[in-house]
Amino acid sequence: MRIVLRGARLIDGTGRPPQDETAVVLEGSRIVAVAPQGEVGVPQGAQVYDLGGKTLLPGLIDCHVHISTEPDADPARRFRDESDLLLTLRGAKNAWRCLQAGYTTLRSLGARGLVDIEIKRAIEMGIVEGSRLLVAGRLLTMTGGHGHYMGYEVDGPDQLRQAAREEIKRGADVVKLMATGGILTPGVEPGSAQLTLEEMRAAIEEAHKAGKKTSAHAQGSEGIKNAILAGIDSIEHGIFLTDEIIDLMLERKVFLVPTLPPSHYFLLEGRKRGIPEYIIQKAERVDEARYQSLEKARRAGVLIAAGSDAGTPLNAHGENALELELLVRSGFTPMEVIQAATSRAAELLGRQDLGRIEVGKTADLVVVDGDPLLDMSVLRRKVNLVFKDGQLVSGKSLL
């Protein structure tokens, strides 16, 4: 049976100007027609949704979440107190929340054990309903490094090479490396380099040989540069970018995933909500540099993909689109932001079937009340319908 979505304002994810009064036809899991409404007939027996006054976009993509974690003030508490089974159940619920919020695809960048890998399998098998997942398995960090309480502690190129092979064998889609310290782990500094260039190069070589993507938590300049020279595909956070680093990112087509919501929450309401003081103090120290680096990257034309870091303290799954509002506040145009959460994100993930409303693409779509080019918050507050693989997975009937 075909599904016809007609009358909406179409933002197709490519950056082209929006088109009014369009019709999009779905058959199975694919888009089979995109045209002005008057040029598309309605096949007999088709399911028709009249979307006048609404905006139709590609399903949103979040390139940085931690699917099994909750927005607790203490980021390590659940890893101390809860079993892998309970974390898996929490993650399944979070994947459902994100799907209801219009996020049809998520990249989960680090979980304990096999948790995110098993959540992905359960969704693919139809056991639970949730966003499509690409997962990292365990993040790879040096002994005592950032995120060690939820990662795999390994040292030296040989151990990193073996660890990357292990995570790929276990089902990882992306290998996540901790190039620097960070804000959430006590006793480490965001600017400090951690895994070395040689260690990261060994892991990245193994990932790329297997056709997998790589990602680096990288906040300080030395660690960011090391990750890029080692061959990384995306820099997460990128707080202390230099002109040299930006030139390298442009030359090597390395993506930046800014992850703005965590520090926004820490600085806005962290103390009254019980965020540990060491987290707030580190966030305060790096906040200005974060936004300066992001503006430099934007002006230079660095590839940007949206990632909320949902699952960090106060940063709940289902509220992922706050990242998009913060990018607009940082100087990005609304259309640039939508691309960062659709076609650019799909490019980073290596999923060219996603992120655009075009014939032949996967039928992941979101319908919102209002126009995100005028008010980006509608993508967080006014999601109306969500389609994943051509199936309605969220929203009231408009038949």
Protein backbone atom coordinates (compact mmCIF):
# COMPACT_ATOMS: atom_id res chain seq x y z
CA MET A 1 0.00 0.00 0.00
CA ARG A 2 1.18 3.47 -0.86
CA ILE A 3 1.15 6.42 1.53
CA VAL A 4 0.66 9.95 0.18
CA LEU A 5 1.71 12.95 2.26
CA ARG A 6 0.34 16.09 0.63
CA GLY A 7 -0.02 19.80 1.22
CA ALA A 8 2.97 20.32 3.51
CA ARG A 9 5.82 22.74 3.18
CA LEU A 10 8.79 20.56 2.25
CA ILE A 11 12.31 21.03 3.60
CA ASP A 12 14.13 18.18 1.89
CA GLY A 13 17.43 18.19 3.81
CA THR A 14 19.61 19.26 0.88
CA GLY A 15 19.72 22.96 1.70
CA ARG A 16 17.48 23.87 -1.24
CA PRO A 17 14.74 26.44 -0.52
CA PRO A 18 11.53 24.99 0.92
CA GLN A 19 8.75 23.98 -1.45
CA ASP A 20 5.11 24.67 -0.66
CA GLU A 21 2.11 22.43 -1.42
CA THR A 22 4.14 19.31 -2.14
CA ALA A 23 3.29 15.63 -2.28
CA VAL A 24 5.58 12.83 -1.13
CA VAL A 25 4.66 9.23 -1.89
CA LEU A 26 5.94 6.27 0.11
CA GLU A 27 5.86 2.64 -0.88
CA GLY A 28 7.27 0.09 1.51
CA SER A 29 10.34 1.56 3.13
CA ARG A 30 11.20 3.92 0.25
CA ILE A 31 10.23 7.31 -1.14
CA VAL A 32 8.88 6.77 -4.66
CA ALA A 33 7.73 10.28 -5.64
CA VAL A 34 8.37 13.91 -4.65
CA ALA A 35 6.55 16.58 -6.66
CA PRO A 36 4.16 19.54 -6.51
CA GLN A 37 0.85 18.36 -5.13
CA GLY A 38 -1.03 18.95 -8.40
CA GLU A 39 1.32 16.63 -10.28
CA VAL A 40 0.81 13.57 -8.09
CA GLY A 41 -2.28 11.44 -8.41
CA VAL A 42 -3.62 9.38 -5.54
CA PRO A 43 -3.52 5.66 -6.32
CA GLN A 44 -6.61 3.67 -5.46
CA GLY A 45 -6.39 2.36 -1.92
CA ALA A 46 -3.58 4.74 -0.92
CA GLN A 47 -3.42 6.10 2.61
CA VAL A 48 -3.52 9.89 2.37
CA TYR A 49 -2.36 12.42 4.96
CA ASP A 50 -3.40 16.03 4.36
CA LEU A 51 -0.68 18.19 5.92
CA GLY A 52 -1.74 21.74 5.09
CA GLY A 53 -0.04 24.26 7.38
CA LYS A 54 2.62 21.78 8.49
CA THR A 55 6.27 21.26 7.58
CA LEU A 56 7.67 17.95 6.31
CA LEU A 57 11.36 17.15 6.87
CA PRO A 58 13.64 14.11 6.75
CA GLY A 59 13.76 12.08 9.92
CA LEU A 60 16.23 13.78 12.26
CA ILE A 61 19.64 12.26 13.03
CA ASP A 62 21.57 12.70 16.29
CA CYS A 63 25.23 11.81 15.82
CA HIS A 64 26.17 11.73 19.52
CA VAL A 65 24.08 10.15 22.26
CA HIS A 66 24.65 7.67 25.07
CA ILE A 67 21.51 5.61 24.71
CA SER A 68 21.65 3.66 27.99
CA THR A 69 22.37 6.58 30.32
CA GLU A 70 19.93 8.88 32.07
CA PRO A 71 20.24 12.63 32.82
CA ASP A 72 21.35 12.08 36.43
CA ALA A 73 23.32 14.77 38.21
CA ASP A 74 26.03 12.18 38.98
CA PRO A 75 27.06 10.74 35.59
CA ALA A 76 28.65 7.57 36.98
CA ARG A 77 25.96 6.56 39.49
CA ARG A 78 24.05 4.11 37.30
CA PHE A 79 27.26 2.44 36.16
CA ARG A 80 28.06 1.79 39.82
CA ASP A 81 24.58 0.76 40.93
CA GLU A 82 22.82 -0.91 37.98
CA SER A 83 23.30 -4.11 36.01
CA ASP A 84 23.82 -4.34 32.28
CA LEU A 85 20.31 -5.77 31.99
CA LEU A 86 18.74 -2.74 33.65
CA LEU A 87 20.84 -0.36 31.56
CA THR A 88 19.67 -2.20 28.45
CA LEU A 89 16.02 -1.75 29.42
CA ARG A 90 16.61 1.93 30.10
CA GLY A 91 18.29 2.28 26.72
CA ALA A 92 15.37 0.68 24.91
CA LYS A 93 13.03 3.18 26.56
CA ASN A 94 15.33 6.05 25.57
CA ALA A 95 15.41 4.89 21.93
CA TRP A 96 11.61 4.93 21.92
CA ARG A 97 11.56 8.45 23.41
CA CYS A 98 13.91 9.73 20.73
CA LEU A 99 11.82 8.15 17.98
CA GLN A 100 8.70 9.84 19.29
CA ALA A 101 10.61 13.14 19.20
CA GLY A 102 11.32 12.80 15.47
CA TYR A 103 14.80 11.29 15.70
CA THR A 104 14.71 8.26 13.45
CA THR A 105 18.47 7.60 13.64
CA LEU A 106 20.94 7.88 16.52
CA ARG A 107 24.66 7.21 16.90
CA SER A 108 25.35 5.93 20.41
CA LEU A 109 28.98 6.65 21.30
CA GLY A 110 29.79 4.50 24.28
CA ALA A 111 28.08 2.14 26.68
CA ARG A 112 29.06 -0.52 29.16
CA GLY A 113 29.52 -4.07 27.98
CA LEU A 114 27.23 -5.08 25.12
CA VAL A 115 24.39 -2.79 26.17
CA ASP A 116 24.02 -0.52 23.14
CA ILE A 117 24.81 -3.37 20.74
CA GLU A 118 21.99 -5.46 22.20
CA ILE A 119 19.53 -2.54 22.16
CA LYS A 120 20.32 -2.08 18.46
CA ARG A 121 19.70 -5.79 17.81
CA ALA A 122 16.40 -5.73 19.70
CA ILE A 123 15.18 -2.78 17.60
CA GLU A 124 16.26 -4.41 14.35
CA MET A 125 14.55 -7.66 15.33
CA GLY A 126 11.31 -5.82 16.15
CA ILE A 127 11.39 -6.83 19.82
CA VAL A 128 11.17 -3.16 20.85
CA GLU A 129 10.41 0.00 18.91
CA GLY A 130 12.95 2.78 18.76
CA SER A 131 15.21 4.93 16.63
CA ARG A 132 17.60 3.22 14.23
CA LEU A 133 20.92 2.85 16.08
CA LEU A 134 24.54 2.92 15.02
CA VAL A 135 26.65 2.01 18.02
CA ALA A 136 30.21 2.15 19.32
CA GLY A 137 30.07 -0.53 21.98
CA ARG A 138 32.68 0.24 24.60
CA LEU A 139 34.62 3.48 24.18
CA LEU A 140 38.40 2.97 24.17
CA THR A 141 40.32 4.99 26.77
CA MET A 142 43.72 4.87 28.41
CA THR A 143 44.04 3.45 31.92
CA GLY A 144 42.36 6.00 34.19
CA GLY A 145 41.35 8.08 31.17
CA HIS A 146 38.19 10.03 30.50
CA GLY A 147 35.10 7.82 30.70
CA HIS A 148 37.01 4.87 32.18
CA TYR A 149 34.01 3.91 34.34
CA MET A 150 32.01 3.02 31.22
CA GLY A 151 34.81 2.18 28.79
CA TYR A 152 37.53 -0.28 27.92
CA GLU A 153 40.90 0.73 29.41
CA VAL A 154 43.72 -0.10 26.98
CA ASP A 155 47.30 1.15 26.54
CA GLY A 156 49.79 1.04 23.68
CA PRO A 157 49.22 0.57 19.95
CA ASP A 158 48.98 -3.21 20.12
CA GLN A 159 46.26 -3.13 22.80
CA LEU A 160 44.36 -0.44 20.90
CA ARG A 161 44.52 -2.48 17.71
CA GLN A 162 43.20 -5.57 19.49
CA ALA A 163 40.50 -3.58 21.29
CA ALA A 164 39.22 -2.11 18.02
CA ARG A 165 39.07 -5.61 16.54
CA GLU A 166 37.16 -6.85 19.59
CA GLU A 167 34.54 -4.10 19.42
CA ILE A 168 34.02 -4.67 15.70
CA LYS A 169 33.66 -8.40 16.32
CA ARG A 170 31.07 -7.68 19.02
CA GLY A 171 28.99 -5.62 16.58
CA ALA A 172 30.21 -2.02 16.78
CA ASP A 173 29.47 0.26 13.81
CA VAL A 174 31.95 2.90 14.92
CA VAL A 175 35.11 2.82 17.05
CA LYS A 176 35.12 5.57 19.70
CA LEU A 177 38.48 6.83 21.00
CA MET A 178 39.19 9.13 23.92
CA ALA A 179 41.82 11.55 22.63
CA THR A 180 41.67 13.94 25.59
CA GLY A 181 40.37 14.41 29.07
CA GLY A 182 36.90 15.77 29.61
CA ILE A 183 34.43 17.50 31.88
CA LEU A 184 32.51 14.61 33.44
CA THR A 185 35.37 12.43 34.74
CA PRO A 186 36.88 13.63 38.05
CA GLY A 187 40.62 14.15 38.08
CA VAL A 188 41.14 14.71 34.35
CA GLU A 189 41.46 17.96 32.45
CA PRO A 190 39.52 18.72 29.22
CA GLY A 191 42.63 20.12 27.57
CA SER A 192 44.94 17.22 28.35
CA ALA A 193 45.96 14.77 25.62
CA GLN A 194 45.31 11.12 26.53
CA LEU A 195 45.47 8.38 23.88
CA THR A 196 48.52 9.04 21.70
CA LEU A 197 48.63 9.52 17.95
CA GLU A 198 50.22 6.08 17.53
CA GLU A 199 47.60 4.39 19.74
CA MET A 200 44.73 6.00 17.86
CA ARG A 201 46.27 5.29 14.45
CA ALA A 202 46.38 1.56 15.25
CA ALA A 203 42.68 1.48 16.21
CA ILE A 204 41.63 3.66 13.28
CA GLU A 205 43.48 1.46 10.80
CA GLU A 206 41.59 -1.58 12.06
CA ALA A 207 38.24 0.19 11.91
CA HIS A 208 38.77 1.48 8.40
CA LYS A 209 39.97 -1.91 7.16
CA ALA A 210 36.64 -3.30 8.37
CA GLY A 211 34.68 -0.50 6.68
CA LYS A 212 33.78 1.14 10.01
CA LYS A 213 33.75 4.81 11.00
CA THR A 214 35.78 6.29 13.85
CA SER A 215 35.03 9.03 16.35
CA ALA A 216 37.19 10.85 18.90
CA HIS A 217 36.17 12.54 22.10
CA ALA A 218 38.60 15.42 21.67
CA GLN A 219 38.49 18.72 23.57
CA GLY A 220 42.09 19.96 23.91
CA SER A 221 44.13 21.13 20.92
CA GLU A 222 46.94 18.56 21.12
CA GLY A 223 44.55 15.63 21.35
CA ILE A 224 42.33 16.97 18.54
CA LYS A 225 45.34 17.32 16.25
CA ASN A 226 46.60 13.84 17.17
CA ALA A 227 43.21 12.32 16.33
CA ILE A 228 43.06 14.07 12.95
CA LEU A 229 46.60 13.04 12.03
CA ALA A 230 45.74 9.48 13.06
CA GLY A 231 42.91 9.44 10.49
CA ILE A 232 39.76 10.07 12.56
CA ASP A 233 36.39 10.64 10.86
CA SER A 234 34.78 12.95 13.42
CA ILE A 235 35.82 15.14 16.32
CA GLU A 236 33.32 15.22 19.18
CA HIS A 237 33.14 18.49 21.17
CA GLY A 238 36.21 20.20 19.64
CA ILE A 239 36.48 22.86 22.32
CA PHE A 240 39.99 24.18 21.65
CA LEU A 241 40.31 24.44 17.87
CA THR A 242 43.23 26.30 16.31
CA ASP A 243 43.63 27.66 12.78
CA GLU A 244 46.02 24.78 12.04
CA ILE A 245 43.48 22.23 13.26
CA ILE A 246 40.68 23.79 11.20
CA ASP A 247 42.88 23.66 8.09
CA LEU A 248 43.55 19.98 8.76
CA MET A 249 39.84 19.28 9.22
CA LEU A 250 39.06 20.97 5.91
CA GLU A 251 41.88 19.17 4.09
CA ARG A 252 40.90 15.75 5.43
CA LYS A 253 37.12 16.30 5.46
CA VAL A 254 36.87 15.62 9.20
CA PHE A 255 33.49 16.38 10.77
CA LEU A 256 32.89 18.37 13.95
CA VAL A 257 30.02 17.31 16.23
CA PRO A 258 29.63 20.25 18.66
CA THR A 259 27.40 18.73 21.43
CA LEU A 260 26.24 22.03 22.98
CA PRO A 261 23.44 20.94 25.40
CA PRO A 262 25.54 19.50 28.27
CA SER A 263 27.36 22.69 29.16
CA HIS A 264 24.19 24.70 28.52
CA TYR A 265 22.45 22.69 31.23
CA PHE A 266 25.46 22.66 33.58
CA LEU A 267 25.82 26.44 33.51
CA LEU A 268 22.10 27.26 33.47
CA GLU A 269 20.92 25.15 36.40
CA GLY A 270 23.71 22.78 37.38
CA ARG A 271 24.31 23.94 40.94
CA LYS A 272 20.66 23.99 41.96
CA ARG A 273 20.11 20.56 40.38
CA GLY A 274 23.03 18.92 42.19
CA ILE A 275 25.67 18.66 39.45
CA PRO A 276 29.04 18.02 41.16
CA GLU A 277 31.06 21.18 41.59
CA TYR A 278 34.08 19.82 39.68
CA ILE A 279 31.88 19.46 36.56
CA ILE A 280 30.52 23.00 36.79
CA GLN A 281 33.95 24.53 37.34
CA LYS A 282 35.42 22.75 34.31
CA ALA A 283 32.41 23.71 32.17
CA GLU A 284 32.80 27.35 33.20
CA ARG A 285 36.48 27.34 32.26
CA VAL A 286 35.94 26.04 28.72
CA ASP A 287 32.60 27.59 27.74
CA GLU A 288 33.93 30.69 26.00
CA ALA A 289 36.51 28.67 24.04
CA ARG A 290 33.81 26.20 22.95
CA TYR A 291 31.72 28.87 21.24
CA GLN A 292 34.72 30.71 19.80
CA SER A 293 35.96 27.48 18.22
CA LEU A 294 32.53 26.65 16.85
CA GLU A 295 32.23 30.08 15.22
CA LYS A 296 35.69 29.74 13.65
CA ALA A 297 34.79 26.30 12.31
CA ARG A 298 31.48 27.57 10.89
CA ARG A 299 33.10 30.52 9.13
CA ALA A 300 35.80 28.28 7.65
CA GLY A 301 33.31 25.77 6.28
CA VAL A 302 34.17 22.77 8.47
CA LEU A 303 31.69 19.93 8.04
CA ILE A 304 29.24 20.09 10.98
CA ALA A 305 26.90 17.32 12.11
CA ALA A 306 24.47 17.72 14.99
CA GLY A 307 24.88 15.71 18.18
CA SER A 308 23.18 16.40 21.49
CA ASP A 309 25.21 14.16 23.86
CA ALA A 310 21.83 13.09 25.28
CA GLY A 311 22.23 10.96 28.39
CA THR A 312 24.67 13.34 30.07
CA PRO A 313 23.60 15.13 33.28
CA LEU A 314 20.24 16.97 32.93
CA ASN A 315 20.31 16.26 29.16
CA ALA A 316 17.36 13.95 28.56
CA HIS A 317 16.67 11.68 25.60
CA GLY A 318 13.73 13.07 23.66
CA GLU A 319 14.97 16.64 24.13
CA ASN A 320 17.71 16.12 21.51
CA ALA A 321 16.58 19.03 19.32
CA LEU A 322 17.79 21.56 21.90
CA GLU A 323 21.14 21.11 20.13
CA LEU A 324 19.55 22.59 17.01
CA GLU A 325 18.23 25.63 18.87
CA LEU A 326 21.65 26.24 20.43
CA LEU A 327 23.34 26.04 17.02
CA VAL A 328 20.99 28.76 15.74
CA ARG A 329 21.81 30.91 18.77
CA SER A 330 25.51 30.35 17.96
CA GLY A 331 25.17 31.94 14.53
CA PHE A 332 24.20 29.12 12.19
CA THR A 333 21.32 29.72 9.82
CA PRO A 334 18.23 27.56 10.40
CA MET A 335 18.80 25.80 7.07
CA GLU A 336 22.44 25.03 7.98
CA VAL A 337 21.21 23.54 11.24
CA ILE A 338 18.59 21.37 9.54
CA GLN A 339 21.27 20.08 7.16
CA ALA A 340 23.50 19.31 10.17
CA ALA A 341 20.71 17.11 11.57
CA THR A 342 19.78 15.47 8.24
CA SER A 343 21.96 15.22 5.12
CA ARG A 344 25.26 16.22 6.78
CA ALA A 345 24.63 13.80 9.63
CA ALA A 346 23.83 11.02 7.16
CA GLU A 347 27.09 11.75 5.33
CA LEU A 348 29.07 11.42 8.56
CA LEU A 349 27.39 8.11 9.35
CA GLY A 350 28.02 6.77 5.86
CA ARG A 351 24.28 6.35 5.34
CA GLN A 352 23.54 8.12 2.07
CA ASP A 353 20.08 6.52 2.02
CA LEU A 354 19.08 8.75 4.94
CA GLY A 355 18.79 12.48 5.59
CA ARG A 356 17.07 13.63 2.39
CA ILE A 357 13.54 13.53 0.99
CA GLU A 358 14.33 12.29 -2.49
CA VAL A 359 13.14 9.43 -4.68
CA GLY A 360 14.87 6.20 -3.68
CA LYS A 361 15.83 7.31 -0.18
CA THR A 362 14.65 5.53 2.97
CA ALA A 363 11.22 6.83 4.02
CA ASP A 364 12.21 8.41 7.34
CA LEU A 365 10.12 11.58 7.74
CA VAL A 366 8.95 13.97 10.43
CA VAL A 367 6.00 16.37 10.32
CA VAL A 368 5.90 19.40 12.59
CA ASP A 369 3.41 22.16 13.26
CA GLY A 370 4.92 25.48 12.23
CA ASP A 371 8.10 26.35 10.36
CA PRO A 372 11.54 25.54 11.85
CA LEU A 373 13.14 28.10 9.54
CA LEU A 374 11.29 30.73 11.56
CA ASP A 375 11.32 29.00 14.96
CA MET A 376 13.71 26.08 15.44
CA SER A 377 12.03 25.13 18.71
CA VAL A 378 9.10 23.56 16.80
CA LEU A 379 11.39 20.57 16.16
CA ARG A 380 11.46 20.00 19.92
CA ARG A 381 7.97 21.14 20.91
CA LYS A 382 5.63 20.47 17.99
CA VAL A 383 6.41 17.12 16.39
CA ASN A 384 3.18 15.85 14.86
CA LEU A 385 3.95 12.68 12.89
CA VAL A 386 7.02 10.44 12.57
CA PHE A 387 7.61 7.83 9.87
CA LYS A 388 10.48 5.34 10.04
CA ASP A 389 11.08 2.96 7.13
CA GLY A 390 7.76 4.08 5.66
CA GLN A 391 5.75 3.18 8.76
CA LEU A 392 3.92 5.63 10.99
CA VAL A 393 5.58 5.25 14.39
CA SER A 394 4.34 8.35 16.19
CA GLY A 395 1.48 10.80 15.86
CA LYS A 396 -2.24 11.19 15.72
CA SER A 397 -4.24 10.11 12.70
CA LEU A 398 -4.75 12.72 9.99
CA LEU A 399 -6.55 10.38 7.58
